[in-house]
Amino acid sequence: AIDHFFTMAKELRVNIPETMKYFC
């Protein structure tokens, strides 16, 4: 899920803000 989330964000040229929280 982590790999494909960040890959998708990159492909969509979405910059993930530093304020984003992660629950694992």
PDB file of all heavy atoms in Angstrom:
ATOM      1  N   ALA A   1       0.838  -1.204   0.000  1.00  0.00           N
ATOM      2  CA  ALA A   1       0.000   0.000   0.000  1.00  0.00           C
ATOM      3  C   ALA A   1       0.873   1.254   0.000  1.00  0.00           C
ATOM      4  O   ALA A   1       0.589   2.227  -0.710  1.00  0.00           O
ATOM      5  CB  ALA A   1      -0.931  -0.009   1.210  1.00  0.00           C
ATOM      6  N   ILE A   2       1.959   1.226   0.788  1.00  0.00           N
ATOM      7  CA  ILE A   2       2.873   2.377   0.852  1.00  0.00           C
ATOM      8  C   ILE A   2       3.535   2.604  -0.506  1.00  0.00           C
ATOM      9  O   ILE A   2       3.533   3.716  -1.046  1.00  0.00           O
ATOM     10  CB  ILE A   2       3.950   2.159   1.946  1.00  0.00           C
ATOM     11  CG1 ILE A   2       3.292   2.165   3.323  1.00  0.00           C
ATOM     12  CG2 ILE A   2       5.036   3.244   1.864  1.00  0.00           C
ATOM     13  CD1 ILE A   2       4.233   1.802   4.470  1.00  0.00           C
ATOM     14  N   ASP A   3       4.110   1.528  -1.069  1.00  0.00           N
ATOM     15  CA  ASP A   3       4.792   1.639  -2.370  1.00  0.00           C
ATOM     16  C   ASP A   3       3.872   2.221  -3.436  1.00  0.00           C
ATOM     17  O   ASP A   3       4.237   3.157  -4.160  1.00  0.00           O
ATOM     18  CB  ASP A   3       5.285   0.258  -2.838  1.00  0.00           C
ATOM     19  CG  ASP A   3       6.520  -0.200  -2.079  1.00  0.00           C
ATOM     20  OD1 ASP A   3       7.280   0.659  -1.595  1.00  0.00           O
ATOM     21  OD2 ASP A   3       6.723  -1.428  -1.973  1.00  0.00           O
ATOM     22  N   HIS A   4       2.668   1.679  -3.525  1.00  0.00           N
ATOM     23  CA  HIS A   4       1.776   2.090  -4.618  1.00  0.00           C
ATOM     24  C   HIS A   4       1.117   3.446  -4.368  1.00  0.00           C
ATOM     25  O   HIS A   4       0.805   4.161  -5.323  1.00  0.00           O
ATOM     26  CB  HIS A   4       0.750   0.986  -4.888  1.00  0.00           C
ATOM     27  CG  HIS A   4       1.398  -0.248  -5.445  1.00  0.00           C
ATOM     28  ND1 HIS A   4       1.969  -0.278  -6.696  1.00  0.00           N
ATOM     29  CD2 HIS A   4       1.618  -1.467  -4.903  1.00  0.00           C
ATOM     30  CE1 HIS A   4       2.501  -1.474  -6.908  1.00  0.00           C
ATOM     31  NE2 HIS A   4       2.300  -2.211  -5.835  1.00  0.00           N
ATOM     32  N   PHE A   5       0.960   3.824  -3.098  1.00  0.00           N
ATOM     33  CA  PHE A   5       0.443   5.160  -2.795  1.00  0.00           C
ATOM     34  C   PHE A   5       1.426   6.230  -3.264  1.00  0.00           C
ATOM     35  O   PHE A   5       1.060   7.169  -3.976  1.00  0.00           O
ATOM     36  CB  PHE A   5       0.176   5.315  -1.296  1.00  0.00           C
ATOM     37  CG  PHE A   5      -0.144   6.728  -0.886  1.00  0.00           C
ATOM     38  CD1 PHE A   5      -1.407   7.265  -1.104  1.00  0.00           C
ATOM     39  CD2 PHE A   5       0.834   7.539  -0.310  1.00  0.00           C
ATOM     40  CE1 PHE A   5      -1.701   8.586  -0.753  1.00  0.00           C
ATOM     41  CE2 PHE A   5       0.543   8.853   0.045  1.00  0.00           C
ATOM     42  CZ  PHE A   5      -0.721   9.371  -0.176  1.00  0.00           C
ATOM     43  N   PHE A   6       2.690   6.079  -2.862  1.00  0.00           N
ATOM     44  CA  PHE A   6       3.685   7.102  -3.216  1.00  0.00           C
ATOM     45  C   PHE A   6       4.024   7.074  -4.711  1.00  0.00           C
ATOM     46  O   PHE A   6       4.309   8.114  -5.304  1.00  0.00           O
ATOM     47  CB  PHE A   6       4.935   6.962  -2.354  1.00  0.00           C
ATOM     48  CG  PHE A   6       4.731   7.450  -0.940  1.00  0.00           C
ATOM     49  CD1 PHE A   6       4.568   6.554   0.107  1.00  0.00           C
ATOM     50  CD2 PHE A   6       4.661   8.808  -0.664  1.00  0.00           C
ATOM     51  CE1 PHE A   6       4.349   6.999   1.409  1.00  0.00           C
ATOM     52  CE2 PHE A   6       4.454   9.274   0.628  1.00  0.00           C
ATOM     53  CZ  PHE A   6       4.291   8.365   1.664  1.00  0.00           C
ATOM     54  N   THR A   7       3.954   5.900  -5.325  1.00  0.00           N
ATOM     55  CA  THR A   7       4.167   5.807  -6.781  1.00  0.00           C
ATOM     56  C   THR A   7       3.053   6.530  -7.515  1.00  0.00           C
ATOM     57  O   THR A   7       3.305   7.288  -8.461  1.00  0.00           O
ATOM     58  CB  THR A   7       4.218   4.326  -7.227  1.00  0.00           C
ATOM     59  OG1 THR A   7       5.299   3.691  -6.563  1.00  0.00           O
ATOM     60  CG2 THR A   7       4.417   4.216  -8.732  1.00  0.00           C
ATOM     61  N   MET A   8       1.816   6.314  -7.058  1.00  0.00           N
ATOM     62  CA  MET A   8       0.671   6.973  -7.704  1.00  0.00           C
ATOM     63  C   MET A   8       0.765   8.487  -7.532  1.00  0.00           C
ATOM     64  O   MET A   8       0.517   9.249  -8.481  1.00  0.00           O
ATOM     65  CB  MET A   8      -0.637   6.443  -7.105  1.00  0.00           C
ATOM     66  CG  MET A   8      -1.895   7.033  -7.750  1.00  0.00           C
ATOM     67  SD  MET A   8      -2.024   6.665  -9.525  1.00  0.00           S
ATOM     68  CE  MET A   8      -2.344   4.903  -9.463  1.00  0.00           C
ATOM     69  N   ALA A   9       1.112   8.926  -6.340  1.00  0.00           N
ATOM     70  CA  ALA A   9       1.251  10.365  -6.086  1.00  0.00           C
ATOM     71  C   ALA A   9       2.273  10.970  -7.048  1.00  0.00           C
ATOM     72  O   ALA A   9       2.060  12.050  -7.623  1.00  0.00           O
ATOM     73  CB  ALA A   9       1.654  10.616  -4.639  1.00  0.00           C
ATOM     74  N   LYS A  10       3.371  10.273  -7.252  1.00  0.00           N
ATOM     75  CA  LYS A  10       4.429  10.746  -8.153  1.00  0.00           C
ATOM     76  C   LYS A  10       3.926  10.805  -9.593  1.00  0.00           C
ATOM     77  O   LYS A  10       4.153  11.783 -10.305  1.00  0.00           O
ATOM     78  CB  LYS A  10       5.640   9.815  -8.046  1.00  0.00           C
ATOM     79  CG  LYS A  10       6.880  10.333  -8.757  1.00  0.00           C
ATOM     80  CD  LYS A  10       8.059   9.393  -8.542  1.00  0.00           C
ATOM     81  CE  LYS A  10       9.293   9.896  -9.282  1.00  0.00           C
ATOM     82  NZ  LYS A  10      10.424   8.947  -9.125  1.00  0.00           N
ATOM     83  N   GLU A  11       3.213   9.750 -10.002  1.00  0.00           N
ATOM     84  CA  GLU A  11       2.698   9.702 -11.383  1.00  0.00           C
ATOM     85  C   GLU A  11       1.658  10.794 -11.631  1.00  0.00           C
ATOM     86  O   GLU A  11       1.534  11.309 -12.734  1.00  0.00           O
ATOM     87  CB  GLU A  11       2.106   8.320 -11.676  1.00  0.00           C
ATOM     88  CG  GLU A  11       3.175   7.238 -11.818  1.00  0.00           C
ATOM     89  CD  GLU A  11       2.592   5.858 -12.049  1.00  0.00           C
ATOM     90  OE1 GLU A  11       1.371   5.679 -11.896  1.00  0.00           O
ATOM     91  OE2 GLU A  11       3.377   4.939 -12.391  1.00  0.00           O
ATOM     92  N   LEU A  12       0.904  11.131 -10.587  1.00  0.00           N
ATOM     93  CA  LEU A  12      -0.121  12.177 -10.714  1.00  0.00           C
ATOM     94  C   LEU A  12       0.455  13.570 -10.453  1.00  0.00           C
ATOM     95  O   LEU A  12      -0.258  14.570 -10.522  1.00  0.00           O
ATOM     96  CB  LEU A  12      -1.262  11.910  -9.723  1.00  0.00           C
ATOM     97  CG  LEU A  12      -2.095  10.648  -9.948  1.00  0.00           C
ATOM     98  CD1 LEU A  12      -3.051  10.434  -8.787  1.00  0.00           C
ATOM     99  CD2 LEU A  12      -2.868  10.721 -11.259  1.00  0.00           C
ATOM    100  N   ARG A  13       1.771  13.604 -10.134  1.00  0.00           N
ATOM    101  CA  ARG A  13       2.472  14.855  -9.792  1.00  0.00           C
ATOM    102  C   ARG A  13       1.818  15.571  -8.607  1.00  0.00           C
ATOM    103  O   ARG A  13       1.657  16.791  -8.608  1.00  0.00           O
ATOM    104  CB  ARG A  13       2.527  15.794 -11.007  1.00  0.00           C
ATOM    105  CG  ARG A  13       3.311  15.171 -12.160  1.00  0.00           C
ATOM    106  CD  ARG A  13       3.722  16.221 -13.142  1.00  0.00           C
ATOM    107  NE  ARG A  13       4.549  15.636 -14.182  1.00  0.00           N
ATOM    108  CZ  ARG A  13       4.218  15.600 -15.468  1.00  0.00           C
ATOM    109  NH1 ARG A  13       3.068  16.081 -15.866  1.00  0.00           N
ATOM    110  NH2 ARG A  13       5.041  15.077 -16.354  1.00  0.00           N
ATOM    111  N   VAL A  14       1.441  14.763  -7.633  1.00  0.00           N
ATOM    112  CA  VAL A  14       0.844  15.299  -6.403  1.00  0.00           C
ATOM    113  C   VAL A  14       1.940  15.382  -5.341  1.00  0.00           C
ATOM    114  O   VAL A  14       2.581  14.380  -5.029  1.00  0.00           O
ATOM    115  CB  VAL A  14      -0.302  14.389  -5.896  1.00  0.00           C
ATOM    116  CG1 VAL A  14      -0.758  14.819  -4.502  1.00  0.00           C
ATOM    117  CG2 VAL A  14      -1.471  14.400  -6.869  1.00  0.00           C
ATOM    118  N   ASN A  15       2.171  16.565  -4.813  1.00  0.00           N
ATOM    119  CA  ASN A  15       3.148  16.729  -3.736  1.00  0.00           C
ATOM    120  C   ASN A  15       2.460  16.494  -2.394  1.00  0.00           C
ATOM    121  O   ASN A  15       1.550  17.236  -2.022  1.00  0.00           O
ATOM    122  CB  ASN A  15       3.753  18.141  -3.767  1.00  0.00           C
ATOM    123  CG  ASN A  15       4.680  18.326  -4.954  1.00  0.00           C
ATOM    124  OD1 ASN A  15       5.445  17.423  -5.300  1.00  0.00           O
ATOM    125  ND2 ASN A  15       4.603  19.477  -5.599  1.00  0.00           N
ATOM    126  N   ILE A  16       2.887  15.451  -1.711  1.00  0.00           N
ATOM    127  CA  ILE A  16       2.276  15.140  -0.414  1.00  0.00           C
ATOM    128  C   ILE A  16       2.772  16.143   0.625  1.00  0.00           C
ATOM    129  O   ILE A  16       3.978  16.276   0.843  1.00  0.00           O
ATOM    130  CB  ILE A  16       2.642  13.703   0.041  1.00  0.00           C
ATOM    131  CG1 ILE A  16       2.294  12.679  -1.044  1.00  0.00           C
ATOM    132  CG2 ILE A  16       1.960  13.369   1.359  1.00  0.00           C
ATOM    133  CD1 ILE A  16       0.830  12.587  -1.399  1.00  0.00           C
ATOM    134  N   PRO A  17       1.854  16.882   1.268  1.00  0.00           N
ATOM    135  CA  PRO A  17       2.294  17.898   2.241  1.00  0.00           C
ATOM    136  C   PRO A  17       2.950  17.277   3.468  1.00  0.00           C
ATOM    137  O   PRO A  17       2.653  16.141   3.837  1.00  0.00           O
ATOM    138  CB  PRO A  17       0.976  18.599   2.620  1.00  0.00           C
ATOM    139  CG  PRO A  17      -0.095  17.621   2.288  1.00  0.00           C
ATOM    140  CD  PRO A  17       0.393  16.821   1.127  1.00  0.00           C
ATOM    141  N   GLU A  18       3.854  18.029   4.085  1.00  0.00           N
ATOM    142  CA  GLU A  18       4.552  17.529   5.289  1.00  0.00           C
ATOM    143  C   GLU A  18       3.598  17.339   6.460  1.00  0.00           C
ATOM    144  O   GLU A  18       3.917  16.652   7.424  1.00  0.00           O
ATOM    145  CB  GLU A  18       5.675  18.497   5.678  1.00  0.00           C
ATOM    146  CG  GLU A  18       6.868  18.412   4.750  1.00  0.00           C
ATOM    147  CD  GLU A  18       8.111  19.057   5.349  1.00  0.00           C
ATOM    148  OE1 GLU A  18       8.071  19.425   6.536  1.00  0.00           O
ATOM    149  OE2 GLU A  18       9.107  19.193   4.623  1.00  0.00           O
ATOM    150  N   THR A  19       2.429  17.957   6.368  1.00  0.00           N
ATOM    151  CA  THR A  19       1.450  17.852   7.460  1.00  0.00           C
ATOM    152  C   THR A  19       0.667  16.539   7.402  1.00  0.00           C
ATOM    153  O   THR A  19      -0.064  16.209   8.339  1.00  0.00           O
ATOM    154  CB  THR A  19       0.449  19.014   7.372  1.00  0.00           C
ATOM    155  OG1 THR A  19      -0.093  19.047   6.034  1.00  0.00           O
ATOM    156  CG2 THR A  19       1.108  20.339   7.677  1.00  0.00           C
ATOM    157  N   MET A  20       0.817  15.777   6.310  1.00  0.00           N
ATOM    158  CA  MET A  20       0.070  14.521   6.163  1.00  0.00           C
ATOM    159  C   MET A  20       0.424  13.571   7.302  1.00  0.00           C
ATOM    160  O   MET A  20       1.587  13.421   7.671  1.00  0.00           O
ATOM    161  CB  MET A  20       0.397  13.866   4.817  1.00  0.00           C
ATOM    162  CG  MET A  20      -0.439  12.633   4.498  1.00  0.00           C
ATOM    163  SD  MET A  20      -2.170  13.029   4.135  1.00  0.00           S
ATOM    164  CE  MET A  20      -2.055  13.496   2.400  1.00  0.00           C
ATOM    165  N   LYS A  21      -0.602  12.906   7.859  1.00  0.00           N
ATOM    166  CA  LYS A  21      -0.380  11.937   8.928  1.00  0.00           C
ATOM    167  C   LYS A  21      -0.542  10.514   8.376  1.00  0.00           C
ATOM    168  O   LYS A  21      -1.285  10.309   7.415  1.00  0.00           O
ATOM    169  CB  LYS A  21      -1.361  12.169  10.080  1.00  0.00           C
ATOM    170  CG  LYS A  21      -1.080  13.459  10.832  1.00  0.00           C
ATOM    171  CD  LYS A  21      -2.097  13.702  11.931  1.00  0.00           C
ATOM    172  CE  LYS A  21      -1.810  15.024  12.653  1.00  0.00           C
ATOM    173  NZ  LYS A  21      -2.861  15.382  13.606  1.00  0.00           N
ATOM    174  N   TYR A  22       0.145   9.577   8.992  1.00  0.00           N
ATOM    175  CA  TYR A  22       0.115   8.187   8.516  1.00  0.00           C
ATOM    176  C   TYR A  22      -0.219   7.246   9.670  1.00  0.00           C
ATOM    177  O   TYR A  22       0.401   7.307  10.731  1.00  0.00           O
ATOM    178  CB  TYR A  22       1.468   7.810   7.906  1.00  0.00           C
ATOM    179  CG  TYR A  22       1.883   8.742   6.784  1.00  0.00           C
ATOM    180  CD1 TYR A  22       2.794   9.777   7.027  1.00  0.00           C
ATOM    181  CD2 TYR A  22       1.354   8.615   5.506  1.00  0.00           C
ATOM    182  CE1 TYR A  22       3.166  10.656   6.014  1.00  0.00           C
ATOM    183  CE2 TYR A  22       1.729   9.487   4.486  1.00  0.00           C
ATOM    184  CZ  TYR A  22       2.629  10.509   4.744  1.00  0.00           C
ATOM    185  OH  TYR A  22       2.985  11.379   3.737  1.00  0.00           O
ATOM    186  N   PHE A  23      -1.194   6.384   9.442  1.00  0.00           N
ATOM    187  CA  PHE A  23      -1.625   5.415  10.442  1.00  0.00           C
ATOM    188  C   PHE A  23      -1.388   4.012   9.888  1.00  0.00           C
ATOM    189  O   PHE A  23      -1.929   3.667   8.835  1.00  0.00           O
ATOM    190  CB  PHE A  23      -3.105   5.624  10.786  1.00  0.00           C
ATOM    191  CG  PHE A  23      -3.376   6.930  11.511  1.00  0.00           C
ATOM    192  CD1 PHE A  23      -3.381   8.143  10.818  1.00  0.00           C
ATOM    193  CD2 PHE A  23      -3.592   6.937  12.886  1.00  0.00           C
ATOM    194  CE1 PHE A  23      -3.607   9.348  11.483  1.00  0.00           C
ATOM    195  CE2 PHE A  23      -3.826   8.143  13.552  1.00  0.00           C
ATOM    196  CZ  PHE A  23      -3.827   9.348  12.856  1.00  0.00           C
ATOM    197  N   CYS A  24      -0.556   3.225  10.582  1.00  0.00           N
ATOM    198  CA  CYS A  24      -0.132   1.921  10.066  1.00  0.00           C
ATOM    199  C   CYS A  24      -0.500   0.807  11.047  1.00  0.00           C
ATOM    200  O   CYS A  24      -0.481   1.009  12.258  1.00  0.00           O
ATOM    201  CB  CYS A  24       1.375   1.909   9.842  1.00  0.00           C
ATOM    202  SG  CYS A  24       1.961   3.304   8.852  1.00  0.00           S
TER     203      CYS A  24
END
